[in-house]
């Protein structure tokens, strides 16, 4: 995952889409988490899929229900709330 290594962002944010099942596969999710850790990035998922949320919890991956919730969290962190 050269894109993860090339980025200077501290987080790798992936937005789940209902018609794309790649993130719902436990092997793929573990592999993505491994790549993120190797690149010293925090993997973050945006999903309202309960299966993916459960897998993320199991693997210690941060997740948010939607982009609004993620944006609010990032904004609060930036202003020190």
PDB file of N, CA and C in Angstrom:
ATOM      1  N   UNK A   1       0.844  -1.185   0.000  1.00  0.00           N
ATOM      2  CA  UNK A   1       0.000   0.000   0.000  1.00  0.00           C
ATOM      3  C   UNK A   1       0.883   1.240   0.000  1.00  0.00           C
ATOM      4  N   UNK A   2       1.448   1.530  -1.133  1.00  0.00           N
ATOM      5  CA  UNK A   2       2.360   2.664  -1.222  1.00  0.00           C
ATOM      6  C   UNK A   2       1.659   3.990  -0.941  1.00  0.00           C
ATOM      7  N   UNK A   3       0.361   4.079  -1.187  1.00  0.00           N
ATOM      8  CA  UNK A   3      -0.363   5.317  -0.897  1.00  0.00           C
ATOM      9  C   UNK A   3      -0.347   5.619   0.597  1.00  0.00           C
ATOM     10  N   UNK A   4      -0.428   4.585   1.429  1.00  0.00           N
ATOM     11  CA  UNK A   4      -0.365   4.793   2.878  1.00  0.00           C
ATOM     12  C   UNK A   4       1.013   5.287   3.292  1.00  0.00           C
ATOM     13  N   UNK A   5       2.044   4.736   2.694  1.00  0.00           N
ATOM     14  CA  UNK A   5       3.408   5.153   3.044  1.00  0.00           C
ATOM     15  C   UNK A   5       3.707   6.554   2.537  1.00  0.00           C
ATOM     16  N   UNK A   6       3.169   6.920   1.389  1.00  0.00           N
ATOM     17  CA  UNK A   6       3.470   8.213   0.780  1.00  0.00           C
ATOM     18  C   UNK A   6       2.756   9.367   1.475  1.00  0.00           C
ATOM     19  N   UNK A   7       1.653   9.101   2.098  1.00  0.00           N
ATOM     20  CA  UNK A   7       0.858  10.143   2.740  1.00  0.00           C
ATOM     21  C   UNK A   7       1.509  10.644   4.022  1.00  0.00           C
ATOM     22  N   UNK A   8       1.333  11.914   4.289  1.00  0.00           N
ATOM     23  CA  UNK A   8       1.819  12.492   5.540  1.00  0.00           C
ATOM     24  C   UNK A   8       0.714  12.590   6.584  1.00  0.00           C
ATOM     25  N   UNK A   9      -0.512  12.259   6.194  1.00  0.00           N
ATOM     26  CA  UNK A   9      -1.631  12.300   7.127  1.00  0.00           C
ATOM     27  C   UNK A   9      -1.449  11.235   8.200  1.00  0.00           C
ATOM     28  N   UNK A  10      -1.797  11.550   9.451  1.00  0.00           N
ATOM     29  CA  UNK A  10      -1.652  10.556  10.521  1.00  0.00           C
ATOM     30  C   UNK A  10      -2.728   9.471  10.479  1.00  0.00           C
ATOM     31  N   UNK A  11      -3.778   9.684   9.702  1.00  0.00           N
ATOM     32  CA  UNK A  11      -4.877   8.711   9.639  1.00  0.00           C
ATOM     33  C   UNK A  11      -5.115   8.280   8.200  1.00  0.00           C
ATOM     34  N   UNK A  12      -5.534   7.043   8.062  1.00  0.00           N
ATOM     35  CA  UNK A  12      -5.983   6.509   6.780  1.00  0.00           C
ATOM     36  C   UNK A  12      -7.480   6.283   6.930  1.00  0.00           C
ATOM     37  N   UNK A  13      -8.273   7.146   6.314  1.00  0.00           N
ATOM     38  CA  UNK A  13      -9.725   7.119   6.486  1.00  0.00           C
ATOM     39  C   UNK A  13     -10.366   6.462   5.270  1.00  0.00           C
ATOM     40  N   UNK A  14     -11.138   5.417   5.520  1.00  0.00           N
ATOM     41  CA  UNK A  14     -11.839   4.706   4.461  1.00  0.00           C
ATOM     42  C   UNK A  14     -13.342   4.825   4.706  1.00  0.00           C
ATOM     43  N   UNK A  15     -14.068   5.230   3.672  1.00  0.00           N
ATOM     44  CA  UNK A  15     -15.521   5.354   3.753  1.00  0.00           C
ATOM     45  C   UNK A  15     -16.130   4.122   3.089  1.00  0.00           C
ATOM     46  N   UNK A  16     -16.899   3.379   3.869  1.00  0.00           N
ATOM     47  CA  UNK A  16     -17.554   2.168   3.388  1.00  0.00           C
ATOM     48  C   UNK A  16     -18.705   2.520   2.467  1.00  0.00           C
ATOM     49  N   UNK A  17     -18.905   1.710   1.445  1.00  0.00           N
ATOM     50  CA  UNK A  17     -20.044   1.884   0.545  1.00  0.00           C
ATOM     51  C   UNK A  17     -20.806   0.563   0.504  1.00  0.00           C
ATOM     52  N   UNK A  18     -22.125   0.602   0.607  1.00  0.00           N
ATOM     53  CA  UNK A  18     -22.921  -0.631   0.678  1.00  0.00           C
ATOM     54  C   UNK A  18     -22.682  -1.613  -0.469  1.00  0.00           C
ATOM     55  N   UNK A  19     -22.350  -1.126  -1.659  1.00  0.00           N
ATOM     56  CA  UNK A  19     -22.180  -2.041  -2.795  1.00  0.00           C
ATOM     57  C   UNK A  19     -20.756  -2.596  -2.913  1.00  0.00           C
ATOM     58  N   UNK A  20     -19.864  -2.174  -2.027  1.00  0.00           N
ATOM     59  CA  UNK A  20     -18.485  -2.667  -2.061  1.00  0.00           C
ATOM     60  C   UNK A  20     -18.229  -3.449  -0.775  1.00  0.00           C
ATOM     61  N   UNK A  21     -17.986  -4.738  -0.918  1.00  0.00           N
ATOM     62  CA  UNK A  21     -17.897  -5.600   0.260  1.00  0.00           C
ATOM     63  C   UNK A  21     -16.469  -5.879   0.718  1.00  0.00           C
ATOM     64  N   UNK A  22     -15.487  -5.273   0.099  1.00  0.00           N
ATOM     65  CA  UNK A  22     -14.093  -5.610   0.395  1.00  0.00           C
ATOM     66  C   UNK A  22     -13.744  -5.400   1.873  1.00  0.00           C
ATOM     67  N   UNK A  23     -14.266  -4.377   2.509  1.00  0.00           N
ATOM     68  CA  UNK A  23     -13.941  -4.117   3.907  1.00  0.00           C
ATOM     69  C   UNK A  23     -14.650  -5.070   4.860  1.00  0.00           C
ATOM     70  N   UNK A  24     -15.720  -5.699   4.410  1.00  0.00           N
ATOM     71  CA  UNK A  24     -16.469  -6.618   5.273  1.00  0.00           C
ATOM     72  C   UNK A  24     -15.823  -8.001   5.360  1.00  0.00           C
ATOM     73  N   UNK A  25     -14.787  -8.207   4.586  1.00  0.00           N
ATOM     74  CA  UNK A  25     -14.054  -9.464   4.618  1.00  0.00           C
ATOM     75  C   UNK A  25     -13.003  -9.368   5.717  1.00  0.00           C
ATOM     76  N   UNK A  26     -13.064 -10.238   6.740  1.00  0.00           N
ATOM     77  CA  UNK A  26     -12.125 -10.147   7.861  1.00  0.00           C
ATOM     78  C   UNK A  26     -10.654 -10.188   7.449  1.00  0.00           C
ATOM     79  N   UNK A  27     -10.329 -11.005   6.460  1.00  0.00           N
ATOM     80  CA  UNK A  27      -8.937 -11.095   6.008  1.00  0.00           C
ATOM     81  C   UNK A  27      -8.487  -9.765   5.397  1.00  0.00           C
ATOM     82  N   UNK A  28      -9.324  -9.188   4.545  1.00  0.00           N
ATOM     83  CA  UNK A  28      -8.981  -7.902   3.929  1.00  0.00           C
ATOM     84  C   UNK A  28      -8.845  -6.802   4.976  1.00  0.00           C
ATOM     85  N   UNK A  29      -9.727  -6.798   5.950  1.00  0.00           N
ATOM     86  CA  UNK A  29      -9.692  -5.769   6.981  1.00  0.00           C
ATOM     87  C   UNK A  29      -8.431  -5.895   7.837  1.00  0.00           C
ATOM     88  N   UNK A  30      -8.071  -7.114   8.193  1.00  0.00           N
ATOM     89  CA  UNK A  30      -6.839  -7.336   8.959  1.00  0.00           C
ATOM     90  C   UNK A  30      -5.618  -6.911   8.154  1.00  0.00           C
ATOM     91  N   UNK A  31      -5.626  -7.215   6.873  1.00  0.00           N
ATOM     92  CA  UNK A  31      -4.518  -6.839   6.000  1.00  0.00           C
ATOM     93  C   UNK A  31      -4.407  -5.321   5.891  1.00  0.00           C
ATOM     94  N   UNK A  32      -5.526  -4.661   5.728  1.00  0.00           N
ATOM     95  CA  UNK A  32      -5.528  -3.197   5.661  1.00  0.00           C
ATOM     96  C   UNK A  32      -5.021  -2.588   6.967  1.00  0.00           C
ATOM     97  N   UNK A  33      -5.450  -3.140   8.090  1.00  0.00           N
ATOM     98  CA  UNK A  33      -4.978  -2.681   9.395  1.00  0.00           C
ATOM     99  C   UNK A  33      -3.465  -2.877   9.511  1.00  0.00           C
ATOM    100  N   UNK A  34      -2.984  -4.000   9.033  1.00  0.00           N
ATOM    101  CA  UNK A  34      -1.549  -4.289   9.068  1.00  0.00           C
ATOM    102  C   UNK A  34      -0.766  -3.277   8.229  1.00  0.00           C
ATOM    103  N   UNK A  35      -1.263  -2.976   7.029  1.00  0.00           N
ATOM    104  CA  UNK A  35      -0.616  -1.978   6.176  1.00  0.00           C
ATOM    105  C   UNK A  35      -0.604  -0.605   6.843  1.00  0.00           C
ATOM    106  N   UNK A  36      -1.715  -0.252   7.467  1.00  0.00           N
ATOM    107  CA  UNK A  36      -1.800   1.050   8.133  1.00  0.00           C
ATOM    108  C   UNK A  36      -0.792   1.133   9.279  1.00  0.00           C
ATOM    109  N   UNK A  37      -0.712   0.092  10.076  1.00  0.00           N
ATOM    110  CA  UNK A  37       0.231   0.075  11.196  1.00  0.00           C
ATOM    111  C   UNK A  37       1.670   0.131  10.692  1.00  0.00           C
ATOM    112  N   UNK A  38       1.946  -0.604   9.637  1.00  0.00           N
ATOM    113  CA  UNK A  38       3.287  -0.606   9.046  1.00  0.00           C
ATOM    114  C   UNK A  38       3.675   0.798   8.574  1.00  0.00           C
ATOM    115  N   UNK A  39       2.700   1.538   8.056  1.00  0.00           N
ATOM    116  CA  UNK A  39       2.933   2.897   7.582  1.00  0.00           C
ATOM    117  C   UNK A  39       2.796   3.924   8.702  1.00  0.00           C
ATOM    118  N   UNK A  40       2.597   3.448   9.924  1.00  0.00           N
ATOM    119  CA  UNK A  40       2.427   4.295  11.106  1.00  0.00           C
ATOM    120  C   UNK A  40       1.246   5.264  10.942  1.00  0.00           C
ATOM    121  N   UNK A  41       0.133   4.702  10.477  1.00  0.00           N
ATOM    122  CA  UNK A  41      -1.105   5.462  10.301  1.00  0.00           C
ATOM    123  C   UNK A  41      -2.193   4.834  11.166  1.00  0.00           C
ATOM    124  N   UNK A  42      -3.128   5.646  11.594  1.00  0.00           N
ATOM    125  CA  UNK A  42      -4.307   5.170  12.318  1.00  0.00           C
ATOM    126  C   UNK A  42      -5.390   4.879  11.297  1.00  0.00           C
ATOM    127  N   UNK A  43      -5.837   3.636  11.223  1.00  0.00           N
ATOM    128  CA  UNK A  43      -6.910   3.277  10.310  1.00  0.00           C
ATOM    129  C   UNK A  43      -8.234   3.727  10.915  1.00  0.00           C
ATOM    130  N   UNK A  44      -9.042   4.420  10.125  1.00  0.00           N
ATOM    131  CA  UNK A  44     -10.346   4.915  10.558  1.00  0.00           C
ATOM    132  C   UNK A  44     -11.362   4.544   9.477  1.00  0.00           C
ATOM    133  N   UNK A  45     -12.480   3.987   9.902  1.00  0.00           N
ATOM    134  CA  UNK A  45     -13.546   3.619   8.977  1.00  0.00           C
ATOM    135  C   UNK A  45     -14.766   4.486   9.214  1.00  0.00           C
ATOM    136  N   UNK A  46     -15.452   4.800   8.135  1.00  0.00           N
ATOM    137  CA  UNK A  46     -16.741   5.480   8.218  1.00  0.00           C
ATOM    138  C   UNK A  46     -17.757   4.497   7.644  1.00  0.00           C
ATOM    139  N   UNK A  47     -18.629   3.991   8.523  1.00  0.00           N
ATOM    140  CA  UNK A  47     -19.574   2.962   8.101  1.00  0.00           C
ATOM    141  C   UNK A  47     -20.788   2.929   9.013  1.00  0.00           C
ATOM    142  N   UNK A  48     -21.921   2.600   8.446  1.00  0.00           N
ATOM    143  CA  UNK A  48     -23.098   2.359   9.270  1.00  0.00           C
ATOM    144  C   UNK A  48     -23.491   0.879   9.208  1.00  0.00           C
ATOM    145  N   UNK A  49     -22.586   0.056   8.685  1.00  0.00           N
ATOM    146  CA  UNK A  49     -22.797  -1.380   8.581  1.00  0.00           C
ATOM    147  C   UNK A  49     -22.419  -2.054   9.903  1.00  0.00           C
ATOM    148  N   UNK A  50     -23.353  -2.730  10.531  1.00  0.00           N
ATOM    149  CA  UNK A  50     -23.116  -3.315  11.854  1.00  0.00           C
ATOM    150  C   UNK A  50     -22.054  -4.421  11.824  1.00  0.00           C
ATOM    151  N   UNK A  51     -21.975  -5.181  10.741  1.00  0.00           N
ATOM    152  CA  UNK A  51     -20.944  -6.216  10.633  1.00  0.00           C
ATOM    153  C   UNK A  51     -19.551  -5.579  10.614  1.00  0.00           C
ATOM    154  N   UNK A  52     -19.385  -4.549   9.808  1.00  0.00           N
ATOM    155  CA  UNK A  52     -18.086  -3.883   9.728  1.00  0.00           C
ATOM    156  C   UNK A  52     -17.747  -3.181  11.035  1.00  0.00           C
ATOM    157  N   UNK A  53     -18.725  -2.605  11.692  1.00  0.00           N
ATOM    158  CA  UNK A  53     -18.486  -1.978  12.999  1.00  0.00           C
ATOM    159  C   UNK A  53     -18.007  -3.020  14.007  1.00  0.00           C
ATOM    160  N   UNK A  54     -18.623  -4.198  13.987  1.00  0.00           N
ATOM    161  CA  UNK A  54     -18.241  -5.276  14.891  1.00  0.00           C
ATOM    162  C   UNK A  54     -16.816  -5.757  14.605  1.00  0.00           C
ATOM    163  N   UNK A  55     -16.490  -5.938  13.330  1.00  0.00           N
ATOM    164  CA  UNK A  55     -15.127  -6.338  12.960  1.00  0.00           C
ATOM    165  C   UNK A  55     -14.117  -5.277  13.376  1.00  0.00           C
ATOM    166  N   UNK A  56     -14.458  -4.018  13.159  1.00  0.00           N
ATOM    167  CA  UNK A  56     -13.560  -2.924  13.538  1.00  0.00           C
ATOM    168  C   UNK A  56     -13.323  -2.934  15.049  1.00  0.00           C
ATOM    169  N   UNK A  57     -14.375  -3.120  15.821  1.00  0.00           N
ATOM    170  CA  UNK A  57     -14.224  -3.213  17.280  1.00  0.00           C
ATOM    171  C   UNK A  57     -13.298  -4.375  17.653  1.00  0.00           C
ATOM    172  N   UNK A  58     -13.504  -5.499  17.007  1.00  0.00           N
ATOM    173  CA  UNK A  58     -12.706  -6.696  17.295  1.00  0.00           C
ATOM    174  C   UNK A  58     -11.217  -6.475  17.000  1.00  0.00           C
ATOM    175  N   UNK A  59     -10.921  -5.712  15.956  1.00  0.00           N
ATOM    176  CA  UNK A  59      -9.527  -5.492  15.543  1.00  0.00           C
ATOM    177  C   UNK A  59      -8.946  -4.187  16.076  1.00  0.00           C
ATOM    178  N   UNK A  60      -9.715  -3.461  16.889  1.00  0.00           N
ATOM    179  CA  UNK A  60      -9.213  -2.222  17.463  1.00  0.00           C
ATOM    180  C   UNK A  60      -9.115  -1.074  16.473  1.00  0.00           C
ATOM    181  N   UNK A  61     -10.012  -1.053  15.516  1.00  0.00           N
ATOM    182  CA  UNK A  61     -10.024  -0.009  14.485  1.00  0.00           C
ATOM    183  C   UNK A  61     -11.086   1.028  14.841  1.00  0.00           C
ATOM    184  N   UNK A  62     -10.710   2.293  14.788  1.00  0.00           N
ATOM    185  CA  UNK A  62     -11.687   3.360  15.033  1.00  0.00           C
ATOM    186  C   UNK A  62     -12.705   3.394  13.909  1.00  0.00           C
ATOM    187  N   UNK A  63     -13.959   3.677  14.257  1.00  0.00           N
ATOM    188  CA  UNK A  63     -14.982   3.821  13.235  1.00  0.00           C
ATOM    189  C   UNK A  63     -16.006   4.864  13.667  1.00  0.00           C
ATOM    190  N   UNK A  64     -16.633   5.446  12.677  1.00  0.00           N
ATOM    191  CA  UNK A  64     -17.676   6.450  12.887  1.00  0.00           C
ATOM    192  C   UNK A  64     -18.875   6.081  12.021  1.00  0.00           C
ATOM    193  N   UNK A  65     -20.064   6.427  12.494  1.00  0.00           N
ATOM    194  CA  UNK A  65     -21.297   6.111  11.763  1.00  0.00           C
ATOM    195  C   UNK A  65     -21.374   6.816  10.418  1.00  0.00           C
ATOM    196  N   UNK A  66     -20.917   8.045  10.388  1.00  0.00           N
ATOM    197  CA  UNK A  66     -21.014   8.815   9.157  1.00  0.00           C
ATOM    198  C   UNK A  66     -19.938   9.899   9.126  1.00  0.00           C
ATOM    199  N   UNK A  67     -19.834  10.551   7.993  1.00  0.00           N
ATOM    200  CA  UNK A  67     -18.810  11.582   7.821  1.00  0.00           C
ATOM    201  C   UNK A  67     -19.046  12.781   8.737  1.00  0.00           C
ATOM    202  N   UNK A  68     -20.295  13.077   9.039  1.00  0.00           N
ATOM    203  CA  UNK A  68     -20.594  14.189   9.938  1.00  0.00           C
ATOM    204  C   UNK A  68     -20.013  13.929  11.328  1.00  0.00           C
ATOM    205  N   UNK A  69     -20.198  12.711  11.834  1.00  0.00           N
ATOM    206  CA  UNK A  69     -19.673  12.357  13.154  1.00  0.00           C
ATOM    207  C   UNK A  69     -18.140  12.437  13.151  1.00  0.00           C
ATOM    208  N   UNK A  70     -17.499  11.969  12.097  1.00  0.00           N
ATOM    209  CA  UNK A  70     -16.047  12.053  11.982  1.00  0.00           C
ATOM    210  C   UNK A  70     -15.597  13.511  11.953  1.00  0.00           C
ATOM    211  N   UNK A  71     -16.269  14.318  11.145  1.00  0.00           N
ATOM    212  CA  UNK A  71     -15.921  15.742  11.029  1.00  0.00           C
ATOM    213  C   UNK A  71     -16.045  16.446  12.374  1.00  0.00           C
ATOM    214  N   UNK A  72     -17.120  16.166  13.105  1.00  0.00           N
ATOM    215  CA  UNK A  72     -17.313  16.786  14.420  1.00  0.00           C
ATOM    216  C   UNK A  72     -16.208  16.377  15.388  1.00  0.00           C
ATOM    217  N   UNK A  73     -15.828  15.111  15.355  1.00  0.00           N
ATOM    218  CA  UNK A  73     -14.754  14.621  16.219  1.00  0.00           C
ATOM    219  C   UNK A  73     -13.434  15.301  15.889  1.00  0.00           C
ATOM    220  N   UNK A  74     -13.136  15.402  14.595  1.00  0.00           N
ATOM    221  CA  UNK A  74     -11.895  16.050  14.171  1.00  0.00           C
ATOM    222  C   UNK A  74     -11.889  17.533  14.529  1.00  0.00           C
ATOM    223  N   UNK A  75     -13.033  18.177  14.374  1.00  0.00           N
ATOM    224  CA  UNK A  75     -13.143  19.598  14.697  1.00  0.00           C
ATOM    225  C   UNK A  75     -12.961  19.811  16.197  1.00  0.00           C
ATOM    226  N   UNK A  76     -13.611  18.967  17.009  1.00  0.00           N
ATOM    227  CA  UNK A  76     -13.468  19.072  18.465  1.00  0.00           C
ATOM    228  C   UNK A  76     -12.015  18.865  18.893  1.00  0.00           C
ATOM    229  N   UNK A  77     -11.349  17.903  18.267  1.00  0.00           N
ATOM    230  CA  UNK A  77      -9.938  17.627  18.598  1.00  0.00           C
ATOM    231  C   UNK A  77      -9.039  18.797  18.205  1.00  0.00           C
ATOM    232  N   UNK A  78      -9.357  19.443  17.093  1.00  0.00           N
ATOM    233  CA  UNK A  78      -8.536  20.560  16.613  1.00  0.00           C
ATOM    234  C   UNK A  78      -8.644  21.779  17.515  1.00  0.00           C
ATOM    235  N   UNK A  79      -9.809  21.966  18.130  1.00  0.00           N
ATOM    236  CA  UNK A  79      -9.993  23.128  19.007  1.00  0.00           C
ATOM    237  C   UNK A  79      -9.784  22.773  20.480  1.00  0.00           C
ATOM    238  N   UNK A  80      -9.456  21.523  20.734  1.00  0.00           N
ATOM    239  CA  UNK A  80      -9.141  21.105  22.092  1.00  0.00           C
ATOM    240  C   UNK A  80     -10.326  20.900  23.003  1.00  0.00           C
ATOM    241  N   UNK A  81     -11.458  20.526  22.451  1.00  0.00           N
ATOM    242  CA  UNK A  81     -12.665  20.283  23.269  1.00  0.00           C
ATOM    243  C   UNK A  81     -12.594  18.906  23.876  1.00  0.00           C
TER     244      UNK A  81
END
